[in-house]
C-alpha cells in the first residue's frame, strides 16, 4: 500500500473465535485495518464506530441471522461490500443473501484469498468478474465437509448425525473411515 493511503477496513463477524481471529490476522497481513465481532449486536456496534468498507458475515450467529445482519450493515452504509460465509450452504440462502445486499456467498472453510477474490469481483466492471478463477471444491469434498460439520454439531454422536443426515449409521461410519477428500 502506498505511503499516506488509508488502509481499507474490514469487519469479520463470526462466532467461532479461532476462525474469526485467523481471518482478522490474515486481513491485517494483506494491508487491511481489520476488526472482529462475535455476534450481530457486537457487529452493529462495531460497524457504527469502525465504518468498514468490507464485511465478512457468518450466516449463523448466536443472537440472530447473518442474513438480517447483511440488511442492517447495508442500511448503515450501502457501499459496504459484504461477503456471507456459511458451513450450511444452500441455493435458497445464497439467493436470499444476495437479495439482501451481499455481493458474494462462500462456503466454509474459506480462506482470506477466497474472500479477497470475492471482494475484488464486487468492484470489477461487469464482465471481468468471470475472468477471475475460483477453485470450486469437488462434490465429494463438499459432502465430506458437510458430514464433518453435522458430526461436530452433534458432539461426535454418530447415531444422531446419521439421523440428521438421513443415512444409515453404518453408511456414515464407512464414510467417516475414509480420509478427507482432496479439494
Protein backbone atom coordinates (compact mmCIF):
# COMPACT_ATOMS: atom_id res chain seq x y z
CA UNK A 1 0.00 0.00 0.00
CA UNK A 2 1.45 3.38 -0.95
CA UNK A 3 2.54 5.70 1.86
CA UNK A 4 -0.18 8.02 3.05
CA UNK A 5 -3.00 5.85 1.68
CA UNK A 6 -5.64 4.85 4.24
CA UNK A 7 -6.00 1.08 4.54
CA UNK A 8 -9.35 -0.45 3.67
CA UNK A 9 -11.37 -1.51 6.68
CA UNK A 10 -12.88 -4.96 7.07
CA UNK A 11 -15.18 -6.28 9.79
CA UNK A 12 -15.18 -10.05 10.33
CA UNK A 13 -18.33 -11.35 12.04
CA UNK A 14 -18.17 -14.99 13.14
CA UNK A 15 -18.96 -16.72 16.43
CA UNK A 16 -16.02 -19.12 16.01
CA UNK A 17 -13.28 -17.17 17.83
CA UNK A 18 -10.34 -19.06 16.29
CA UNK A 19 -11.63 -18.72 12.73
CA UNK A 20 -12.52 -15.03 13.26
CA UNK A 21 -9.11 -14.15 14.71
CA UNK A 22 -7.30 -16.08 11.98
CA UNK A 23 -9.17 -14.08 9.32
CA UNK A 24 -8.54 -10.77 11.12
CA UNK A 25 -4.78 -11.50 11.27
CA UNK A 26 -4.76 -12.54 7.60
CA UNK A 27 -6.53 -9.33 6.54
CA UNK A 28 -4.02 -7.25 8.53
CA UNK A 29 -1.17 -9.06 6.72
CA UNK A 30 -2.87 -8.11 3.43
CA UNK A 31 -2.86 -4.40 4.36
CA UNK A 32 -6.38 -4.05 5.76
CA UNK A 33 -7.40 -2.46 9.02
CA UNK A 34 -9.42 -5.35 10.45
CA UNK A 35 -11.65 -5.97 13.45
CA UNK A 36 -13.72 -8.93 14.57
CA UNK A 37 -17.14 -9.35 16.16
CA UNK A 38 -18.72 -12.47 17.66
CA UNK A 39 -22.41 -11.55 17.39
CA UNK A 40 -24.84 -9.47 15.35
CA UNK A 41 -25.22 -6.92 18.15
CA UNK A 42 -21.46 -6.58 18.57
CA UNK A 43 -21.09 -6.29 14.78
CA UNK A 44 -23.59 -3.45 14.50
CA UNK A 45 -21.90 -1.53 17.32
CA UNK A 46 -18.50 -2.07 15.68
CA UNK A 47 -19.84 -1.08 12.23
CA UNK A 48 -21.19 2.21 13.58
CA UNK A 49 -17.85 3.10 15.20
CA UNK A 50 -15.43 1.48 12.72
CA UNK A 51 -17.21 2.25 9.41
CA UNK A 52 -15.87 -0.75 7.43
CA UNK A 53 -15.80 -0.74 3.65
CA UNK A 54 -15.92 -4.55 3.65
CA UNK A 55 -17.64 -7.11 5.88
CA UNK A 56 -17.42 -10.89 6.18
CA UNK A 57 -20.60 -12.24 7.79
CA UNK A 58 -21.22 -15.77 9.08
CA UNK A 59 -24.72 -17.00 8.26
CA UNK A 60 -25.37 -18.41 11.74
CA UNK A 61 -24.78 -16.12 14.69
CA UNK A 62 -25.65 -16.72 18.34
CA UNK A 63 -28.05 -13.76 18.52
CA UNK A 64 -29.59 -13.80 15.06
CA UNK A 65 -29.28 -14.49 11.39
CA UNK A 66 -26.39 -13.32 9.27
CA UNK A 67 -28.94 -12.60 6.54
CA UNK A 68 -30.64 -9.99 8.71
CA UNK A 69 -27.24 -8.57 9.63
CA UNK A 70 -26.42 -8.13 5.92
CA UNK A 71 -29.51 -5.96 5.52
CA UNK A 72 -28.62 -3.91 8.62
CA UNK A 73 -25.00 -3.40 7.53
CA UNK A 74 -26.17 -2.25 4.09
CA UNK A 75 -28.65 0.14 5.78
CA UNK A 76 -25.74 1.70 7.72
CA UNK A 77 -23.66 2.10 4.55
CA UNK A 78 -24.96 0.98 1.16
CA UNK A 79 -21.40 0.92 -0.24
CA UNK A 80 -20.18 -1.76 2.18
CA UNK A 81 -19.08 -4.86 0.28
CA UNK A 82 -20.50 -7.86 2.16
CA UNK A 83 -19.45 -11.48 1.74
CA UNK A 84 -21.51 -14.14 3.51
CA UNK A 85 -19.75 -17.28 4.80
CA UNK A 86 -21.58 -20.42 5.79
CA UNK A 87 -20.96 -24.01 6.67
CA UNK A 88 -24.58 -24.78 5.80
CA UNK A 89 -24.87 -23.57 2.25
CA UNK A 90 -27.95 -23.87 0.12
CA UNK A 91 -29.15 -22.21 -3.05
CA UNK A 92 -32.07 -20.62 -1.17
CA UNK A 93 -29.83 -18.91 1.41
CA UNK A 94 -27.37 -17.83 -1.28
CA UNK A 95 -30.16 -16.17 -3.26
CA UNK A 96 -31.56 -14.56 -0.10
CA UNK A 97 -28.11 -13.25 0.92
CA UNK A 98 -27.63 -11.59 -2.47
CA UNK A 99 -31.20 -10.24 -2.41
CA UNK A 100 -30.45 -8.58 0.94
CA UNK A 101 -27.29 -6.94 -0.36
CA UNK A 102 -24.41 -9.41 -0.11
CA UNK A 103 -22.06 -9.31 -3.06
CA UNK A 104 -20.85 -12.87 -2.66
CA UNK A 105 -21.65 -16.09 -0.81
CA UNK A 106 -18.89 -18.56 0.11
CA UNK A 107 -18.96 -21.97 1.76
CA UNK A 108 -16.69 -22.61 4.72
CA UNK A 109 -13.90 -23.31 5.02
CA UNK A 110 -13.00 -20.24 3.00
CA UNK A 111 -9.62 -18.59 3.40
CA UNK A 112 -8.66 -14.95 3.07
CA UNK A 113 -7.67 -15.42 -0.59
CA UNK A 114 -11.19 -16.65 -1.45
CA UNK A 115 -12.69 -13.67 0.37
CA UNK A 116 -10.32 -11.17 -1.28
CA UNK A 117 -11.27 -12.63 -4.65
CA UNK A 118 -14.94 -12.11 -3.78
CA UNK A 119 -14.21 -8.52 -2.69
CA UNK A 120 -12.31 -7.88 -5.94
CA UNK A 121 -15.13 -9.37 -8.03
CA UNK A 122 -17.56 -6.94 -6.42
CA UNK A 123 -15.51 -3.94 -7.57
CA UNK A 124 -14.75 -5.09 -11.12
CA UNK A 125 -16.60 -3.70 -14.12
CA UNK A 126 -19.31 -6.04 -15.38
CA UNK A 127 -17.96 -8.96 -17.38
CA UNK A 128 -14.49 -9.00 -15.82
CA UNK A 129 -15.69 -10.97 -12.79
CA UNK A 130 -15.91 -14.13 -14.91
CA UNK A 131 -12.23 -13.73 -15.77
CA UNK A 132 -11.26 -14.41 -12.16
CA UNK A 133 -10.56 -18.02 -11.37
CA UNK A 134 -12.01 -19.57 -8.26
CA UNK A 135 -11.37 -23.14 -7.21
CA UNK A 136 -14.66 -24.89 -6.51
CA UNK A 137 -14.44 -27.90 -4.20
CA UNK A 138 -15.43 -31.26 -5.64
CA UNK A 139 -18.80 -32.72 -4.76
CA UNK A 140 -17.07 -35.43 -2.72
CA UNK A 141 -15.14 -32.79 -0.76
CA UNK A 142 -18.29 -30.75 -0.12
CA UNK A 143 -20.06 -33.90 1.13
CA UNK A 144 -17.14 -34.77 3.42
CA UNK A 145 -17.06 -31.23 4.88
CA UNK A 146 -20.83 -31.26 5.42
CA UNK A 147 -20.64 -34.60 7.25
CA UNK A 148 -17.85 -33.24 9.47
CA UNK A 149 -19.89 -30.12 10.34
CA UNK A 150 -23.03 -32.13 11.19
CA UNK A 151 -20.98 -34.55 13.27
CA UNK A 152 -19.38 -31.63 15.14
CA UNK A 153 -22.82 -30.09 15.75
CA UNK A 154 -23.90 -33.44 17.25
CA UNK A 155 -20.90 -33.50 19.58
CA UNK A 156 -19.44 -36.53 17.81
CA UNK A 157 -22.60 -38.63 18.25
CA UNK A 158 -22.62 -40.80 15.11
CA UNK A 159 -26.18 -42.09 15.63
CA UNK A 160 -27.60 -38.58 15.94
CA UNK A 161 -25.57 -37.33 12.96
CA UNK A 162 -26.79 -40.27 10.84
CA UNK A 163 -30.41 -39.40 11.71
CA UNK A 164 -29.88 -35.75 10.77
CA UNK A 165 -28.14 -36.71 7.53
CA UNK A 166 -30.90 -39.27 6.80
CA UNK A 167 -28.46 -42.10 6.16
CA UNK A 168 -27.81 -45.42 7.88
CA UNK A 169 -25.43 -45.31 10.83
CA UNK A 170 -23.20 -47.94 9.20
CA UNK A 171 -23.02 -45.91 5.97
CA UNK A 172 -21.94 -42.88 7.96
CA UNK A 173 -19.27 -44.94 9.73
CA UNK A 174 -17.89 -46.09 6.35
CA UNK A 175 -17.77 -42.50 5.09
CA UNK A 176 -16.00 -41.38 8.28
CA UNK A 177 -13.42 -44.15 7.96
CA UNK A 178 -12.22 -42.65 4.67
CA UNK A 179 -9.53 -39.99 4.59
CA UNK A 180 -10.58 -36.44 3.73
CA UNK A 181 -11.21 -35.98 0.04
CA UNK A 182 -8.73 -33.61 -1.64
CA UNK A 183 -10.23 -30.36 -2.88
